[in-house]
Amino acid sequence: MINMKKIFLIFNIILITSCSSDVTPTPTPVPKEEKVIFEQVIDKGNILSSKDFFDIGFNEYKEYNVSKLTEATEAWYGYWGPDEDNVKYYELRFYPDHSTAVSEGTPFAKDATGDDAKLKRQETMWRVGLPDRKQDASCQQRYNLQRSSLRGECGSRVSKYADYIIFNNVIMLCEGKDSNEAFKLCHSLVNSLKGK
């Protein structure tokens, strides 16, 4: 007669070895985020006017005096979007040709865009439209060590335009939280020009 303890022991050994096989979980692949590279300087050989932009629905808010914007022929502040829920602000600066836009307009565009934009009258290269190029930064709370209290700090100003592109003879300053968003919005406006 077979001992029941031996049977029970053999049964447990078989059960343990069959359950302890190595199972390696299959890792879930992480989706790859595609980063789109946008061109900042584009020359298709065409000369554009403000009418080309008005014809595609660019809404002019105001025209700027360009007498102190070196070599510029006109400049506009306005808004555009593919639909009324996606409207963004732009500043369009027109030059006689592409090479003038690049050589004369680039320093002014750099001065007005990005985190290091010059937003004080005494620092900026071109004062016209300066209030339109600013927006309020979000309020920040700062801890006051001397009083052991929190206080809100609001009212600091940042550039409305994160970056710019040069398309043919036009420099476009484009709204955005960073350069990538600004480039995307600039190119969205450019793409709506269809063949210009």
N, C-alpha and C. Protein backbone atom coordinates (compact mmCIF):
# COMPACT_ATOMS: atom_id res chain seq x y z
N MET A 1 0.85 -1.18 0.00
CA MET A 1 0.00 0.00 0.00
C MET A 1 0.89 1.24 0.00
N ILE A 2 0.57 2.15 -0.89
CA ILE A 2 1.36 3.37 -1.05
C ILE A 2 0.99 4.33 0.07
N ASN A 3 2.01 4.88 0.62
CA ASN A 3 1.83 5.83 1.71
C ASN A 3 1.17 7.11 1.18
N MET A 4 0.10 7.55 1.85
CA MET A 4 -0.64 8.75 1.43
C MET A 4 0.21 10.01 1.55
N LYS A 5 1.12 10.00 2.49
CA LYS A 5 1.97 11.18 2.62
C LYS A 5 2.88 11.32 1.41
N LYS A 6 3.38 10.18 0.89
CA LYS A 6 4.25 10.23 -0.28
C LYS A 6 3.47 10.71 -1.51
N ILE A 7 2.28 10.26 -1.67
CA ILE A 7 1.43 10.68 -2.80
C ILE A 7 1.16 12.18 -2.71
N PHE A 8 0.83 12.59 -1.52
CA PHE A 8 0.55 14.01 -1.33
C PHE A 8 1.79 14.85 -1.63
N LEU A 9 2.96 14.39 -1.20
CA LEU A 9 4.22 15.09 -1.44
C LEU A 9 4.55 15.14 -2.93
N ILE A 10 4.40 14.05 -3.62
CA ILE A 10 4.65 14.00 -5.07
C ILE A 10 3.68 14.92 -5.80
N PHE A 11 2.43 14.90 -5.40
CA PHE A 11 1.43 15.77 -6.01
C PHE A 11 1.79 17.24 -5.84
N ASN A 12 2.24 17.64 -4.64
CA ASN A 12 2.65 19.03 -4.37
C ASN A 12 3.87 19.44 -5.21
N ILE A 13 4.83 18.53 -5.34
CA ILE A 13 6.03 18.83 -6.13
C ILE A 13 5.64 19.06 -7.59
N ILE A 14 4.78 18.23 -8.12
CA ILE A 14 4.32 18.39 -9.51
C ILE A 14 3.57 19.70 -9.66
N LEU A 15 2.72 20.00 -8.73
CA LEU A 15 1.92 21.22 -8.77
C LEU A 15 2.81 22.46 -8.70
N ILE A 16 3.79 22.46 -7.82
CA ILE A 16 4.68 23.62 -7.65
C ILE A 16 5.52 23.82 -8.90
N THR A 17 6.08 22.74 -9.45
CA THR A 17 6.94 22.88 -10.64
C THR A 17 6.13 23.30 -11.85
N SER A 18 4.90 22.88 -11.97
CA SER A 18 4.10 23.29 -13.13
C SER A 18 3.64 24.74 -13.01
N CYS A 19 3.47 25.23 -11.80
CA CYS A 19 3.02 26.61 -11.60
C CYS A 19 4.16 27.62 -11.58
N SER A 20 5.37 27.12 -11.40
CA SER A 20 6.46 28.08 -11.25
C SER A 20 7.21 28.34 -12.55
N SER A 21 6.62 28.03 -13.68
CA SER A 21 7.30 28.31 -14.95
C SER A 21 7.45 29.82 -15.11
N ASP A 22 8.57 30.20 -15.69
CA ASP A 22 8.85 31.64 -15.86
C ASP A 22 7.97 32.21 -16.96
N VAL A 23 7.21 33.20 -16.59
CA VAL A 23 6.37 33.90 -17.55
C VAL A 23 6.87 35.33 -17.63
N THR A 24 7.32 35.72 -18.80
CA THR A 24 7.82 37.07 -18.99
C THR A 24 6.73 37.88 -19.68
N PRO A 25 6.27 38.94 -19.02
CA PRO A 25 5.22 39.74 -19.66
C PRO A 25 5.78 40.47 -20.89
N THR A 26 4.96 40.59 -21.89
CA THR A 26 5.34 41.31 -23.11
C THR A 26 5.20 42.81 -22.84
N PRO A 27 6.29 43.56 -23.01
CA PRO A 27 6.20 45.00 -22.75
C PRO A 27 5.31 45.69 -23.78
N THR A 28 4.53 46.65 -23.30
CA THR A 28 3.68 47.43 -24.18
C THR A 28 4.53 48.49 -24.87
N PRO A 29 4.51 48.53 -26.19
CA PRO A 29 5.35 49.52 -26.87
C PRO A 29 4.87 50.95 -26.57
N VAL A 30 5.83 51.83 -26.34
CA VAL A 30 5.53 53.24 -26.08
C VAL A 30 5.33 53.92 -27.43
N PRO A 31 4.20 54.62 -27.60
CA PRO A 31 3.98 55.28 -28.89
C PRO A 31 5.04 56.36 -29.12
N LYS A 32 5.54 56.38 -30.35
CA LYS A 32 6.57 57.36 -30.69
C LYS A 32 5.90 58.67 -31.07
N GLU A 33 6.41 59.75 -30.49
CA GLU A 33 5.87 61.07 -30.79
C GLU A 33 6.67 61.66 -31.95
N GLU A 34 5.97 61.94 -33.04
CA GLU A 34 6.65 62.50 -34.19
C GLU A 34 6.80 64.00 -34.01
N LYS A 35 8.01 64.48 -34.17
CA LYS A 35 8.27 65.90 -34.06
C LYS A 35 8.36 66.47 -35.46
N VAL A 36 7.54 67.46 -35.73
CA VAL A 36 7.52 68.07 -37.04
C VAL A 36 8.52 69.21 -37.05
N ILE A 37 9.34 69.24 -38.08
CA ILE A 37 10.32 70.31 -38.23
C ILE A 37 9.73 71.32 -39.20
N PHE A 38 9.62 72.56 -38.76
CA PHE A 38 9.08 73.62 -39.59
C PHE A 38 10.21 74.50 -40.11
N GLU A 39 10.08 74.92 -41.35
CA GLU A 39 11.05 75.86 -41.91
C GLU A 39 10.75 77.26 -41.39
N GLN A 40 11.79 78.02 -41.10
CA GLN A 40 11.60 79.38 -40.62
C GLN A 40 11.73 80.41 -41.74
N VAL A 41 12.53 80.10 -42.75
CA VAL A 41 12.73 81.02 -43.87
C VAL A 41 12.38 80.29 -45.15
N ILE A 42 11.36 80.80 -45.86
CA ILE A 42 10.85 80.15 -47.07
C ILE A 42 10.75 81.20 -48.17
N ASP A 43 11.30 80.88 -49.34
CA ASP A 43 11.18 81.79 -50.49
C ASP A 43 10.65 81.02 -51.68
N LYS A 44 9.41 81.31 -52.06
CA LYS A 44 8.80 80.68 -53.23
C LYS A 44 8.88 81.61 -54.44
N GLY A 45 9.53 82.78 -54.24
CA GLY A 45 9.74 83.70 -55.36
C GLY A 45 8.58 84.64 -55.63
N ASN A 46 7.59 84.66 -54.77
CA ASN A 46 6.42 85.53 -54.98
C ASN A 46 6.50 86.76 -54.07
N ILE A 47 5.88 87.83 -54.52
CA ILE A 47 5.74 89.04 -53.71
C ILE A 47 4.29 89.12 -53.26
N LEU A 48 4.09 89.13 -51.96
CA LEU A 48 2.74 89.16 -51.39
C LEU A 48 2.39 90.56 -50.92
N SER A 49 1.10 90.84 -50.90
CA SER A 49 0.60 92.09 -50.34
C SER A 49 -0.40 91.76 -49.23
N SER A 50 -0.79 92.77 -48.50
CA SER A 50 -1.78 92.55 -47.44
C SER A 50 -3.09 92.01 -48.01
N LYS A 51 -3.42 92.39 -49.25
CA LYS A 51 -4.65 91.93 -49.89
C LYS A 51 -4.68 90.40 -50.00
N ASP A 52 -3.51 89.79 -50.26
CA ASP A 52 -3.46 88.32 -50.34
C ASP A 52 -3.93 87.70 -49.03
N PHE A 53 -3.60 88.31 -47.92
CA PHE A 53 -3.99 87.80 -46.60
C PHE A 53 -5.46 88.13 -46.31
N PHE A 54 -5.88 89.34 -46.67
CA PHE A 54 -7.28 89.71 -46.44
C PHE A 54 -8.21 88.80 -47.24
N ASP A 55 -7.77 88.40 -48.44
CA ASP A 55 -8.60 87.53 -49.29
C ASP A 55 -8.82 86.15 -48.69
N ILE A 56 -7.93 85.69 -47.81
CA ILE A 56 -8.11 84.37 -47.19
C ILE A 56 -8.74 84.47 -45.80
N GLY A 57 -9.19 85.66 -45.43
CA GLY A 57 -9.90 85.81 -44.16
C GLY A 57 -9.09 86.38 -43.02
N PHE A 58 -7.88 86.88 -43.29
CA PHE A 58 -7.12 87.55 -42.23
C PHE A 58 -7.86 88.83 -41.87
N ASN A 59 -8.18 88.98 -40.60
CA ASN A 59 -8.94 90.14 -40.13
C ASN A 59 -7.97 91.18 -39.58
N GLU A 60 -7.89 92.30 -40.29
CA GLU A 60 -6.98 93.35 -39.85
C GLU A 60 -7.57 94.09 -38.66
N TYR A 61 -6.80 94.19 -37.62
CA TYR A 61 -7.23 94.93 -36.44
C TYR A 61 -6.73 96.37 -36.54
N LYS A 62 -5.45 96.52 -36.95
CA LYS A 62 -4.92 97.86 -37.18
C LYS A 62 -3.70 97.80 -38.08
N GLU A 63 -3.49 98.90 -38.78
CA GLU A 63 -2.29 99.04 -39.61
C GLU A 63 -1.30 99.91 -38.85
N TYR A 64 -0.02 99.53 -38.89
CA TYR A 64 1.02 100.26 -38.18
C TYR A 64 1.77 101.20 -39.12
N ASN A 65 2.23 102.30 -38.56
CA ASN A 65 3.10 103.22 -39.28
C ASN A 65 4.49 102.58 -39.33
N VAL A 66 5.02 102.39 -40.55
CA VAL A 66 6.29 101.67 -40.70
C VAL A 66 7.47 102.60 -40.99
N SER A 67 7.31 103.91 -40.76
CA SER A 67 8.39 104.85 -41.08
C SER A 67 9.69 104.53 -40.33
N LYS A 68 9.60 103.86 -39.16
CA LYS A 68 10.81 103.51 -38.40
C LYS A 68 11.08 102.01 -38.39
N LEU A 69 10.39 101.28 -39.22
CA LEU A 69 10.64 99.85 -39.40
C LEU A 69 11.42 99.72 -40.71
N THR A 70 12.72 99.66 -40.61
CA THR A 70 13.63 99.76 -41.74
C THR A 70 13.20 98.94 -42.95
N GLU A 71 13.01 99.65 -44.08
CA GLU A 71 12.69 99.06 -45.39
C GLU A 71 11.32 98.41 -45.50
N ALA A 72 10.52 98.39 -44.45
CA ALA A 72 9.19 97.78 -44.53
C ALA A 72 8.25 98.66 -45.35
N THR A 73 7.34 98.03 -46.07
CA THR A 73 6.37 98.78 -46.87
C THR A 73 5.02 98.91 -46.16
N GLU A 74 4.69 97.93 -45.32
CA GLU A 74 3.47 97.99 -44.51
C GLU A 74 3.56 96.94 -43.40
N ALA A 75 2.74 97.13 -42.36
CA ALA A 75 2.67 96.18 -41.25
C ALA A 75 1.26 96.19 -40.68
N TRP A 76 0.77 95.00 -40.34
CA TRP A 76 -0.60 94.85 -39.86
C TRP A 76 -0.63 93.97 -38.61
N TYR A 77 -1.54 94.31 -37.72
CA TYR A 77 -1.85 93.49 -36.55
C TYR A 77 -3.27 92.98 -36.76
N GLY A 78 -3.46 91.68 -36.63
CA GLY A 78 -4.79 91.14 -36.84
C GLY A 78 -4.88 89.70 -36.36
N TYR A 79 -5.95 89.05 -36.76
CA TYR A 79 -6.19 87.68 -36.32
C TYR A 79 -6.72 86.85 -37.46
N TRP A 80 -6.48 85.55 -37.34
CA TRP A 80 -6.92 84.60 -38.35
C TRP A 80 -7.02 83.22 -37.70
N GLY A 81 -7.90 82.42 -38.25
CA GLY A 81 -8.03 81.04 -37.80
C GLY A 81 -8.84 80.25 -38.80
N PRO A 82 -8.65 78.94 -38.84
CA PRO A 82 -9.42 78.12 -39.78
C PRO A 82 -10.91 78.12 -39.46
N ASP A 83 -11.26 78.42 -38.22
CA ASP A 83 -12.66 78.60 -37.82
C ASP A 83 -12.69 79.55 -36.62
N GLU A 84 -13.86 79.99 -36.25
CA GLU A 84 -13.97 81.02 -35.21
C GLU A 84 -13.55 80.55 -33.82
N ASP A 85 -13.44 79.24 -33.61
CA ASP A 85 -12.99 78.72 -32.32
C ASP A 85 -11.47 78.60 -32.22
N ASN A 86 -10.77 78.80 -33.32
CA ASN A 86 -9.31 78.64 -33.35
C ASN A 86 -8.62 79.87 -33.91
N VAL A 87 -9.02 81.03 -33.45
CA VAL A 87 -8.45 82.29 -33.93
C VAL A 87 -7.22 82.65 -33.11
N LYS A 88 -6.15 83.07 -33.80
CA LYS A 88 -4.91 83.50 -33.15
C LYS A 88 -4.49 84.84 -33.73
N TYR A 89 -3.65 85.56 -32.96
CA TYR A 89 -3.16 86.87 -33.39
C TYR A 89 -1.83 86.74 -34.12
N TYR A 90 -1.66 87.62 -35.09
CA TYR A 90 -0.45 87.66 -35.91
C TYR A 90 -0.07 89.12 -36.14
N GLU A 91 1.20 89.33 -36.40
CA GLU A 91 1.67 90.62 -36.89
C GLU A 91 2.37 90.33 -38.21
N LEU A 92 1.92 90.98 -39.27
CA LEU A 92 2.47 90.77 -40.60
C LEU A 92 3.25 92.01 -41.02
N ARG A 93 4.52 91.81 -41.40
CA ARG A 93 5.38 92.91 -41.83
C ARG A 93 5.82 92.64 -43.27
N PHE A 94 5.50 93.57 -44.14
CA PHE A 94 5.76 93.40 -45.57
C PHE A 94 6.99 94.19 -46.00
N TYR A 95 7.77 93.57 -46.90
CA TYR A 95 9.00 94.17 -47.43
C TYR A 95 8.96 94.10 -48.95
N PRO A 96 9.81 94.89 -49.63
CA PRO A 96 9.77 94.88 -51.10
C PRO A 96 10.10 93.53 -51.73
N ASP A 97 10.94 92.73 -51.06
CA ASP A 97 11.31 91.42 -51.60
C ASP A 97 11.82 90.53 -50.45
N HIS A 98 12.08 89.27 -50.79
CA HIS A 98 12.51 88.31 -49.78
C HIS A 98 13.85 88.67 -49.15
N SER A 99 14.82 89.04 -49.95
CA SER A 99 16.14 89.32 -49.40
C SER A 99 16.13 90.51 -48.45
N THR A 100 15.30 91.51 -48.73
CA THR A 100 15.18 92.66 -47.82
C THR A 100 14.51 92.25 -46.52
N ALA A 101 13.50 91.38 -46.63
CA ALA A 101 12.83 90.88 -45.42
C ALA A 101 13.84 90.17 -44.53
N VAL A 102 14.72 89.36 -45.14
CA VAL A 102 15.71 88.62 -44.37
C VAL A 102 16.75 89.56 -43.77
N SER A 103 17.33 90.43 -44.61
CA SER A 103 18.44 91.26 -44.15
C SER A 103 18.00 92.37 -43.20
N GLU A 104 16.91 93.04 -43.51
CA GLU A 104 16.48 94.18 -42.70
C GLU A 104 15.45 93.82 -41.63
N GLY A 105 14.61 92.84 -41.93
CA GLY A 105 13.52 92.52 -41.02
C GLY A 105 13.85 91.55 -39.90
N THR A 106 14.84 90.67 -40.11
CA THR A 106 15.17 89.66 -39.12
C THR A 106 15.53 90.24 -37.75
N PRO A 107 16.40 91.26 -37.67
CA PRO A 107 16.73 91.79 -36.34
C PRO A 107 15.50 92.33 -35.60
N PHE A 108 14.59 92.97 -36.33
CA PHE A 108 13.37 93.50 -35.71
C PHE A 108 12.45 92.36 -35.24
N ALA A 109 12.39 91.27 -36.02
CA ALA A 109 11.55 90.13 -35.65
C ALA A 109 12.10 89.43 -34.42
N LYS A 110 13.42 89.24 -34.36
CA LYS A 110 14.03 88.61 -33.19
C LYS A 110 13.82 89.46 -31.94
N ASP A 111 13.87 90.77 -32.10
CA ASP A 111 13.70 91.70 -31.00
C ASP A 111 12.30 91.62 -30.38
N ALA A 112 11.31 91.18 -31.17
CA ALA A 112 9.91 91.22 -30.74
C ALA A 112 9.33 89.87 -30.36
N THR A 113 10.12 88.79 -30.47
CA THR A 113 9.56 87.46 -30.26
C THR A 113 10.36 86.66 -29.23
N GLY A 114 9.71 85.64 -28.71
CA GLY A 114 10.38 84.70 -27.82
C GLY A 114 10.50 85.16 -26.38
N ASP A 115 11.18 84.34 -25.59
CA ASP A 115 11.33 84.63 -24.16
C ASP A 115 12.16 85.86 -23.88
N ASP A 116 13.07 86.20 -24.78
CA ASP A 116 13.93 87.36 -24.56
C ASP A 116 13.50 88.58 -25.38
N ALA A 117 12.22 88.64 -25.76
CA ALA A 117 11.71 89.79 -26.51
C ALA A 117 11.87 91.06 -25.69
N LYS A 118 12.16 92.14 -26.38
CA LYS A 118 12.30 93.45 -25.73
C LYS A 118 10.92 94.09 -25.65
N LEU A 119 10.39 94.19 -24.44
CA LEU A 119 9.02 94.66 -24.25
C LEU A 119 8.94 96.01 -23.56
N LYS A 120 10.08 96.66 -23.35
CA LYS A 120 10.08 98.01 -22.77
C LYS A 120 10.39 99.02 -23.86
N ARG A 121 9.72 100.16 -23.79
CA ARG A 121 9.88 101.19 -24.83
C ARG A 121 11.34 101.59 -25.03
N GLN A 122 12.10 101.69 -23.94
CA GLN A 122 13.48 102.13 -24.05
C GLN A 122 14.41 101.04 -24.59
N GLU A 123 13.93 99.79 -24.67
CA GLU A 123 14.78 98.69 -25.13
C GLU A 123 14.44 98.18 -26.53
N THR A 124 13.18 98.29 -26.93
CA THR A 124 12.75 97.70 -28.20
C THR A 124 13.28 98.48 -29.40
N MET A 125 13.49 97.78 -30.51
CA MET A 125 13.99 98.42 -31.72
C MET A 125 12.89 99.21 -32.42
N TRP A 126 11.63 98.77 -32.26
CA TRP A 126 10.50 99.43 -32.94
C TRP A 126 9.35 99.52 -31.96
N ARG A 127 9.01 100.75 -31.58
CA ARG A 127 8.00 100.97 -30.54
C ARG A 127 6.57 100.83 -31.04
N VAL A 128 6.34 101.06 -32.31
CA VAL A 128 4.98 101.03 -32.85
C VAL A 128 4.38 99.64 -32.63
N GLY A 129 3.19 99.59 -32.06
CA GLY A 129 2.51 98.33 -31.82
C GLY A 129 3.03 97.55 -30.62
N LEU A 130 3.91 98.14 -29.85
CA LEU A 130 4.49 97.43 -28.70
C LEU A 130 3.43 96.90 -27.73
N PRO A 131 2.41 97.68 -27.36
CA PRO A 131 1.38 97.14 -26.45
C PRO A 131 0.67 95.90 -27.01
N ASP A 132 0.54 95.83 -28.34
CA ASP A 132 -0.12 94.67 -28.96
C ASP A 132 0.75 93.42 -28.93
N ARG A 133 2.05 93.59 -28.76
CA ARG A 133 2.96 92.45 -28.74
C ARG A 133 3.15 91.88 -27.34
N LYS A 134 2.44 92.41 -26.35
CA LYS A 134 2.57 91.94 -24.97
C LYS A 134 1.29 91.25 -24.52
N GLN A 135 1.47 90.36 -23.55
CA GLN A 135 0.32 89.76 -22.88
C GLN A 135 0.71 89.50 -21.43
N ASP A 136 -0.29 89.41 -20.57
CA ASP A 136 -0.03 89.18 -19.16
C ASP A 136 0.48 87.77 -18.93
N ALA A 137 1.48 87.66 -18.08
CA ALA A 137 1.95 86.34 -17.66
C ALA A 137 0.98 85.82 -16.60
N SER A 138 0.98 84.54 -16.38
CA SER A 138 0.12 84.00 -15.34
C SER A 138 0.63 84.47 -13.98
N CYS A 139 -0.28 84.64 -13.06
CA CYS A 139 0.11 85.09 -11.72
C CYS A 139 0.91 83.99 -11.02
N GLN A 140 1.89 84.41 -10.27
CA GLN A 140 2.71 83.46 -9.51
C GLN A 140 2.63 83.82 -8.05
N GLN A 141 2.59 82.81 -7.20
CA GLN A 141 2.62 83.06 -5.76
C GLN A 141 4.04 82.91 -5.27
N ARG A 142 4.47 83.87 -4.49
CA ARG A 142 5.82 83.82 -3.93
C ARG A 142 5.74 83.79 -2.42
N TYR A 143 6.61 83.02 -1.84
CA TYR A 143 6.64 82.87 -0.40
C TYR A 143 7.53 83.95 0.20
N ASN A 144 6.98 84.73 1.10
CA ASN A 144 7.73 85.79 1.75
C ASN A 144 8.33 85.23 3.03
N LEU A 145 9.66 85.07 3.04
CA LEU A 145 10.33 84.47 4.19
C LEU A 145 10.22 85.33 5.44
N GLN A 146 10.28 86.64 5.28
CA GLN A 146 10.25 87.53 6.44
C GLN A 146 8.89 87.51 7.13
N ARG A 147 7.85 87.40 6.32
CA ARG A 147 6.50 87.45 6.91
C ARG A 147 5.87 86.07 7.00
N SER A 148 6.57 85.06 6.50
CA SER A 148 6.04 83.68 6.48
C SER A 148 4.64 83.64 5.89
N SER A 149 4.48 84.23 4.73
CA SER A 149 3.17 84.26 4.09
C SER A 149 3.32 84.16 2.58
N LEU A 150 2.22 83.83 1.94
CA LEU A 150 2.19 83.77 0.49
C LEU A 150 1.60 85.06 -0.05
N ARG A 151 2.17 85.55 -1.15
CA ARG A 151 1.56 86.72 -1.78
C ARG A 151 1.54 86.49 -3.29
N GLY A 152 0.54 87.01 -3.95
CA GLY A 152 0.44 86.85 -5.40
C GLY A 152 1.20 87.94 -6.12
N GLU A 153 1.87 87.54 -7.21
CA GLU A 153 2.54 88.52 -8.05
C GLU A 153 1.98 88.40 -9.45
N CYS A 154 1.30 89.44 -9.88
CA CYS A 154 0.70 89.44 -11.21
C CYS A 154 1.18 90.68 -11.95
N GLY A 155 0.86 90.73 -13.22
CA GLY A 155 1.12 91.94 -13.96
C GLY A 155 2.40 91.94 -14.77
N SER A 156 3.26 90.94 -14.63
CA SER A 156 4.44 90.91 -15.47
C SER A 156 3.98 90.61 -16.90
N ARG A 157 4.71 91.13 -17.86
CA ARG A 157 4.30 91.00 -19.25
C ARG A 157 5.29 90.11 -20.01
N VAL A 158 4.77 89.33 -20.92
CA VAL A 158 5.58 88.48 -21.78
C VAL A 158 5.18 88.73 -23.23
N SER A 159 6.02 88.29 -24.15
CA SER A 159 5.72 88.48 -25.56
C SER A 159 4.54 87.59 -25.99
N LYS A 160 3.66 88.17 -26.75
CA LYS A 160 2.53 87.42 -27.31
C LYS A 160 3.03 86.44 -28.36
N TYR A 161 4.13 86.82 -29.03
CA TYR A 161 4.63 86.04 -30.16
C TYR A 161 5.83 85.20 -29.75
N ALA A 162 5.68 83.89 -29.81
CA ALA A 162 6.77 82.99 -29.41
C ALA A 162 7.86 82.94 -30.47
N ASP A 163 7.48 83.15 -31.75
CA ASP A 163 8.49 83.11 -32.81
C ASP A 163 7.93 83.72 -34.09
N TYR A 164 8.74 83.66 -35.15
CA TYR A 164 8.37 84.26 -36.43
C TYR A 164 8.86 83.37 -37.56
N ILE A 165 8.27 83.58 -38.75
CA ILE A 165 8.81 82.99 -39.97
C ILE A 165 8.91 84.09 -41.02
N ILE A 166 9.75 83.85 -42.00
CA ILE A 166 9.85 84.75 -43.15
C ILE A 166 9.35 83.94 -44.34
N PHE A 167 8.25 84.38 -44.91
CA PHE A 167 7.65 83.71 -46.06
C PHE A 167 7.61 84.69 -47.22
N ASN A 168 8.38 84.38 -48.25
CA ASN A 168 8.55 85.29 -49.38
C ASN A 168 9.03 86.65 -48.87
N ASN A 169 8.21 87.69 -49.04
CA ASN A 169 8.60 89.04 -48.61
C ASN A 169 7.90 89.47 -47.31
N VAL A 170 7.33 88.50 -46.58
CA VAL A 170 6.55 88.82 -45.38
C VAL A 170 7.19 88.18 -44.15
N ILE A 171 7.31 88.97 -43.10
CA ILE A 171 7.69 88.42 -41.80
C ILE A 171 6.42 88.31 -40.98
N MET A 172 6.16 87.11 -40.49
CA MET A 172 4.97 86.84 -39.68
C MET A 172 5.39 86.57 -38.25
N LEU A 173 4.92 87.38 -37.33
CA LEU A 173 5.09 87.10 -35.90
C LEU A 173 3.86 86.32 -35.48
N CYS A 174 4.07 85.17 -34.85
CA CYS A 174 2.96 84.27 -34.57
C CYS A 174 2.82 83.96 -33.10
N GLU A 175 1.58 83.96 -32.65
CA GLU A 175 1.25 83.68 -31.26
C GLU A 175 1.59 82.23 -30.94
N GLY A 176 1.86 81.96 -29.66
CA GLY A 176 2.10 80.58 -29.24
C GLY A 176 2.79 80.53 -27.90
N LYS A 177 2.65 79.38 -27.22
CA LYS A 177 3.29 79.22 -25.92
C LYS A 177 4.78 78.90 -26.06
N ASP A 178 5.18 78.41 -27.26
CA ASP A 178 6.59 78.12 -27.53
C ASP A 178 6.81 78.22 -29.04
N SER A 179 8.07 78.08 -29.45
CA SER A 179 8.41 78.21 -30.88
C SER A 179 7.68 77.18 -31.73
N ASN A 180 7.59 75.96 -31.26
CA ASN A 180 6.94 74.92 -32.06
C ASN A 180 5.48 75.26 -32.36
N GLU A 181 4.77 75.75 -31.34
CA GLU A 181 3.37 76.14 -31.56
C GLU A 181 3.28 77.35 -32.49
N ALA A 182 4.19 78.31 -32.31
CA ALA A 182 4.19 79.49 -33.18
C ALA A 182 4.45 79.11 -34.63
N PHE A 183 5.45 78.23 -34.85
CA PHE A 183 5.74 77.78 -36.21
C PHE A 183 4.54 77.07 -36.82
N LYS A 184 3.88 76.26 -36.02
CA LYS A 184 2.70 75.54 -36.50
C LYS A 184 1.61 76.52 -36.94
N LEU A 185 1.39 77.55 -36.13
CA LEU A 185 0.36 78.55 -36.47
C LEU A 185 0.76 79.38 -37.68
N CYS A 186 2.04 79.73 -37.76
CA CYS A 186 2.52 80.47 -38.93
C CYS A 186 2.30 79.65 -40.20
N HIS A 187 2.68 78.38 -40.16
CA HIS A 187 2.56 77.52 -41.34
C HIS A 187 1.10 77.24 -41.68
N SER A 188 0.25 77.24 -40.69
CA SER A 188 -1.18 77.07 -40.96
C SER A 188 -1.68 78.26 -41.79
N LEU A 189 -1.24 79.46 -41.45
CA LEU A 189 -1.63 80.65 -42.22
C LEU A 189 -1.01 80.61 -43.61
N VAL A 190 0.25 80.24 -43.70
CA VAL A 190 0.94 80.13 -45.00
C VAL A 190 0.23 79.13 -45.90
N ASN A 191 -0.13 77.96 -45.35
CA ASN A 191 -0.77 76.91 -46.14
C ASN A 191 -2.12 77.36 -46.70
N SER A 192 -2.77 78.28 -46.02
CA SER A 192 -4.06 78.76 -46.50
C SER A 192 -3.92 79.70 -47.70
N LEU A 193 -2.69 80.18 -47.95
CA LEU A 193 -2.46 81.08 -49.09
C LEU A 193 -2.49 80.34 -50.43
N LYS A 194 -2.32 79.03 -50.45
CA LYS A 194 -2.43 78.16 -51.63
C LYS A 194 -1.72 78.71 -52.86
N GLY A 195 -0.49 78.31 -53.02
CA GLY A 195 0.25 78.64 -54.24
C GLY A 195 0.85 80.02 -54.29
N LYS A 196 0.85 80.75 -53.19
CA LYS A 196 1.39 82.10 -53.22
C LYS A 196 2.87 82.07 -53.00
